[in-house]
Amino acid sequence: MQITITPEQLALMRALVNPIYAAHMEAECELPGFTISISFLGPYGTFAVGSCGNLSVELGEVAVQPPQSGWGLTDTVE
C-alpha cells in the first residue's frame, strides 16, 4: 500500500513541526517526533491528521494506492 501526501500537506506538517524542533534544539532537548494518522472512512474517503506533542493539523484527504473501497483493506486494484 502506498499513501501519498501532497506538497501542500507536507508544508502544513513542516509549519507544525519546524518551530517545535527549533525550540527543542535551542534548549538542547531530545526532539519529540511527530505522527501522521490516516483514517480510512469507507465511502467518505481517506483523511490524514498530523500531530506533534499536543498540537495537530488536519491534512485533509490523502491518495492511497491501491484504492481502498468499502470498509476493509485491500491489496489489489479493482
N, C-alpha and C. Protein backbone atom coordinates (compact mmCIF):
# COMPACT_ATOMS: atom_id res chain seq x y z
N MET A 1 0.84 -1.16 0.00
CA MET A 1 0.00 0.00 0.00
C MET A 1 0.90 1.24 0.00
N GLN A 2 0.56 2.19 -0.84
CA GLN A 2 1.31 3.44 -0.89
C GLN A 2 0.36 4.59 -0.55
N ILE A 3 0.75 5.41 0.42
CA ILE A 3 -0.03 6.57 0.82
C ILE A 3 0.78 7.79 0.44
N THR A 4 0.18 8.69 -0.34
CA THR A 4 0.88 9.86 -0.84
C THR A 4 0.28 11.13 -0.28
N ILE A 5 1.14 12.00 0.27
CA ILE A 5 0.68 13.31 0.69
C ILE A 5 1.19 14.34 -0.31
N THR A 6 0.46 15.42 -0.45
CA THR A 6 0.79 16.46 -1.42
C THR A 6 1.87 17.39 -0.86
N PRO A 7 2.50 18.18 -1.73
CA PRO A 7 3.45 19.19 -1.24
C PRO A 7 2.78 20.17 -0.27
N GLU A 8 1.53 20.48 -0.49
CA GLU A 8 0.81 21.38 0.41
C GLU A 8 0.64 20.76 1.80
N GLN A 9 0.34 19.47 1.83
CA GLN A 9 0.21 18.76 3.10
C GLN A 9 1.56 18.68 3.81
N LEU A 10 2.61 18.46 3.06
CA LEU A 10 3.95 18.44 3.63
C LEU A 10 4.29 19.80 4.22
N ALA A 11 3.91 20.87 3.54
CA ALA A 11 4.16 22.22 4.06
C ALA A 11 3.40 22.45 5.36
N LEU A 12 2.17 21.92 5.47
CA LEU A 12 1.42 22.04 6.72
C LEU A 12 2.13 21.32 7.86
N MET A 13 2.66 20.14 7.58
CA MET A 13 3.40 19.40 8.61
C MET A 13 4.67 20.15 9.02
N ARG A 14 5.38 20.68 8.04
CA ARG A 14 6.61 21.43 8.36
C ARG A 14 6.29 22.66 9.20
N ALA A 15 5.19 23.35 8.86
CA ALA A 15 4.80 24.53 9.64
C ALA A 15 4.48 24.16 11.08
N LEU A 16 3.97 22.96 11.30
CA LEU A 16 3.67 22.49 12.65
C LEU A 16 4.94 22.06 13.38
N VAL A 17 5.77 21.26 12.72
CA VAL A 17 6.90 20.59 13.36
C VAL A 17 8.14 21.49 13.50
N ASN A 18 8.45 22.27 12.49
CA ASN A 18 9.71 23.02 12.49
C ASN A 18 9.89 23.92 13.71
N PRO A 19 8.89 24.72 14.12
CA PRO A 19 9.10 25.56 15.31
C PRO A 19 9.31 24.73 16.59
N ILE A 20 8.63 23.61 16.69
CA ILE A 20 8.78 22.74 17.86
C ILE A 20 10.19 22.17 17.88
N TYR A 21 10.66 21.69 16.73
CA TYR A 21 12.01 21.14 16.66
C TYR A 21 13.05 22.20 16.95
N ALA A 22 12.87 23.42 16.42
CA ALA A 22 13.82 24.51 16.65
C ALA A 22 13.92 24.82 18.14
N ALA A 23 12.78 24.87 18.83
CA ALA A 23 12.78 25.16 20.26
C ALA A 23 13.48 24.05 21.05
N HIS A 24 13.26 22.80 20.66
CA HIS A 24 13.91 21.68 21.34
C HIS A 24 15.42 21.70 21.10
N MET A 25 15.82 22.02 19.89
CA MET A 25 17.25 22.07 19.58
C MET A 25 17.92 23.22 20.33
N GLU A 26 17.26 24.36 20.41
CA GLU A 26 17.81 25.51 21.13
C GLU A 26 17.97 25.18 22.62
N ALA A 27 17.03 24.43 23.16
CA ALA A 27 17.10 24.04 24.57
C ALA A 27 17.95 22.80 24.79
N GLU A 28 18.53 22.28 23.70
CA GLU A 28 19.35 21.07 23.74
C GLU A 28 18.59 19.88 24.34
N CYS A 29 17.33 19.77 23.91
CA CYS A 29 16.46 18.67 24.34
C CYS A 29 16.29 17.67 23.20
N GLU A 30 15.88 16.48 23.56
CA GLU A 30 15.60 15.46 22.56
C GLU A 30 14.37 15.87 21.74
N LEU A 31 14.43 15.66 20.43
CA LEU A 31 13.30 16.00 19.57
C LEU A 31 12.12 15.08 19.85
N PRO A 32 10.89 15.61 19.81
CA PRO A 32 9.74 14.82 20.22
C PRO A 32 9.20 13.84 19.19
N GLY A 33 9.54 14.00 17.94
CA GLY A 33 8.94 13.17 16.89
C GLY A 33 7.55 13.68 16.54
N PHE A 34 6.95 13.10 15.53
CA PHE A 34 5.61 13.51 15.11
C PHE A 34 4.87 12.30 14.58
N THR A 35 3.56 12.47 14.41
CA THR A 35 2.70 11.39 13.92
C THR A 35 1.83 11.90 12.79
N ILE A 36 1.65 11.07 11.78
CA ILE A 36 0.63 11.31 10.76
C ILE A 36 -0.33 10.14 10.84
N SER A 37 -1.57 10.43 11.23
CA SER A 37 -2.60 9.39 11.38
C SER A 37 -3.50 9.40 10.15
N ILE A 38 -3.71 8.22 9.59
CA ILE A 38 -4.56 8.07 8.41
C ILE A 38 -5.85 7.39 8.85
N SER A 39 -6.98 7.99 8.49
CA SER A 39 -8.29 7.40 8.78
C SER A 39 -8.93 6.96 7.48
N PHE A 40 -9.29 5.67 7.42
CA PHE A 40 -9.98 5.11 6.26
C PHE A 40 -11.47 5.14 6.60
N LEU A 41 -12.21 6.00 5.94
CA LEU A 41 -13.61 6.23 6.29
C LEU A 41 -14.56 5.67 5.23
N GLY A 42 -14.22 4.50 4.72
CA GLY A 42 -15.09 3.82 3.76
C GLY A 42 -15.45 4.70 2.58
N PRO A 43 -16.74 4.88 2.32
CA PRO A 43 -17.16 5.65 1.14
C PRO A 43 -16.89 7.14 1.27
N TYR A 44 -16.44 7.60 2.44
CA TYR A 44 -16.24 9.03 2.65
C TYR A 44 -14.82 9.49 2.35
N GLY A 45 -13.91 8.57 2.10
CA GLY A 45 -12.55 8.94 1.75
C GLY A 45 -11.51 8.51 2.77
N THR A 46 -10.29 8.94 2.54
CA THR A 46 -9.15 8.63 3.38
C THR A 46 -8.50 9.95 3.79
N PHE A 47 -8.46 10.22 5.09
CA PHE A 47 -8.03 11.53 5.57
C PHE A 47 -6.86 11.39 6.54
N ALA A 48 -6.03 12.44 6.61
CA ALA A 48 -4.86 12.43 7.48
C ALA A 48 -4.89 13.60 8.44
N VAL A 49 -4.33 13.35 9.62
CA VAL A 49 -4.11 14.38 10.63
C VAL A 49 -2.68 14.24 11.11
N GLY A 50 -1.96 15.36 11.15
CA GLY A 50 -0.60 15.36 11.67
C GLY A 50 -0.58 15.90 13.07
N SER A 51 0.30 15.35 13.93
CA SER A 51 0.39 15.86 15.29
C SER A 51 1.83 15.79 15.77
N CYS A 52 2.14 16.73 16.66
CA CYS A 52 3.44 16.79 17.30
C CYS A 52 3.17 17.30 18.70
N GLY A 53 3.42 16.45 19.70
CA GLY A 53 3.07 16.82 21.07
C GLY A 53 1.56 16.95 21.19
N ASN A 54 1.11 18.06 21.75
CA ASN A 54 -0.33 18.27 21.90
C ASN A 54 -0.91 19.15 20.80
N LEU A 55 -0.13 19.44 19.75
CA LEU A 55 -0.61 20.23 18.62
C LEU A 55 -0.92 19.32 17.44
N SER A 56 -1.92 19.70 16.66
CA SER A 56 -2.27 18.89 15.48
C SER A 56 -2.73 19.79 14.35
N VAL A 57 -2.70 19.24 13.15
CA VAL A 57 -3.17 19.94 11.96
C VAL A 57 -3.88 18.93 11.07
N GLU A 58 -5.04 19.32 10.54
CA GLU A 58 -5.75 18.46 9.58
C GLU A 58 -5.08 18.60 8.23
N LEU A 59 -4.67 17.47 7.68
CA LEU A 59 -4.01 17.46 6.38
C LEU A 59 -4.99 17.25 5.24
N GLY A 60 -6.15 16.73 5.53
CA GLY A 60 -7.16 16.51 4.50
C GLY A 60 -7.04 15.14 3.85
N GLU A 61 -7.65 15.02 2.70
CA GLU A 61 -7.69 13.74 2.00
C GLU A 61 -6.32 13.38 1.45
N VAL A 62 -5.98 12.10 1.54
CA VAL A 62 -4.71 11.59 1.01
C VAL A 62 -4.99 10.52 -0.04
N ALA A 63 -4.04 10.37 -0.96
CA ALA A 63 -4.16 9.37 -2.03
C ALA A 63 -3.62 8.04 -1.53
N VAL A 64 -4.36 6.97 -1.77
CA VAL A 64 -3.96 5.63 -1.38
C VAL A 64 -4.01 4.72 -2.60
N GLN A 65 -2.91 3.97 -2.81
CA GLN A 65 -2.84 3.00 -3.90
C GLN A 65 -2.49 1.65 -3.32
N PRO A 66 -3.18 0.59 -3.63
CA PRO A 66 -4.40 0.59 -4.42
C PRO A 66 -5.54 1.26 -3.65
N PRO A 67 -6.51 1.78 -4.41
CA PRO A 67 -7.65 2.43 -3.75
C PRO A 67 -8.34 1.48 -2.78
N GLN A 68 -8.74 2.00 -1.64
CA GLN A 68 -9.42 1.19 -0.63
C GLN A 68 -10.92 1.41 -0.78
N SER A 69 -11.60 0.44 -1.31
CA SER A 69 -13.05 0.58 -1.50
C SER A 69 -13.76 -0.22 -0.42
N GLY A 70 -14.85 0.32 0.04
CA GLY A 70 -15.59 -0.37 1.09
C GLY A 70 -14.97 -0.08 2.45
N TRP A 71 -15.13 -1.02 3.37
CA TRP A 71 -14.69 -0.80 4.75
C TRP A 71 -13.50 -1.65 5.13
N GLY A 72 -12.88 -2.35 4.21
CA GLY A 72 -11.74 -3.19 4.55
C GLY A 72 -10.52 -2.80 3.73
N LEU A 73 -9.35 -3.28 4.16
CA LEU A 73 -8.11 -3.02 3.41
C LEU A 73 -7.97 -4.05 2.30
N THR A 74 -7.53 -3.58 1.16
CA THR A 74 -7.31 -4.49 0.03
C THR A 74 -5.89 -4.32 -0.48
N ASP A 75 -5.40 -5.32 -1.17
CA ASP A 75 -4.08 -5.22 -1.78
C ASP A 75 -4.13 -5.39 -3.30
N THR A 76 -5.31 -5.34 -3.84
CA THR A 76 -5.48 -5.46 -5.28
C THR A 76 -6.22 -4.26 -5.82
N VAL A 77 -5.89 -3.89 -7.05
CA VAL A 77 -6.58 -2.80 -7.72
C VAL A 77 -7.82 -3.37 -8.38
N GLU A 78 -8.94 -2.70 -8.18
CA GLU A 78 -10.20 -3.19 -8.76
C GLU A 78 -10.38 -2.69 -10.17
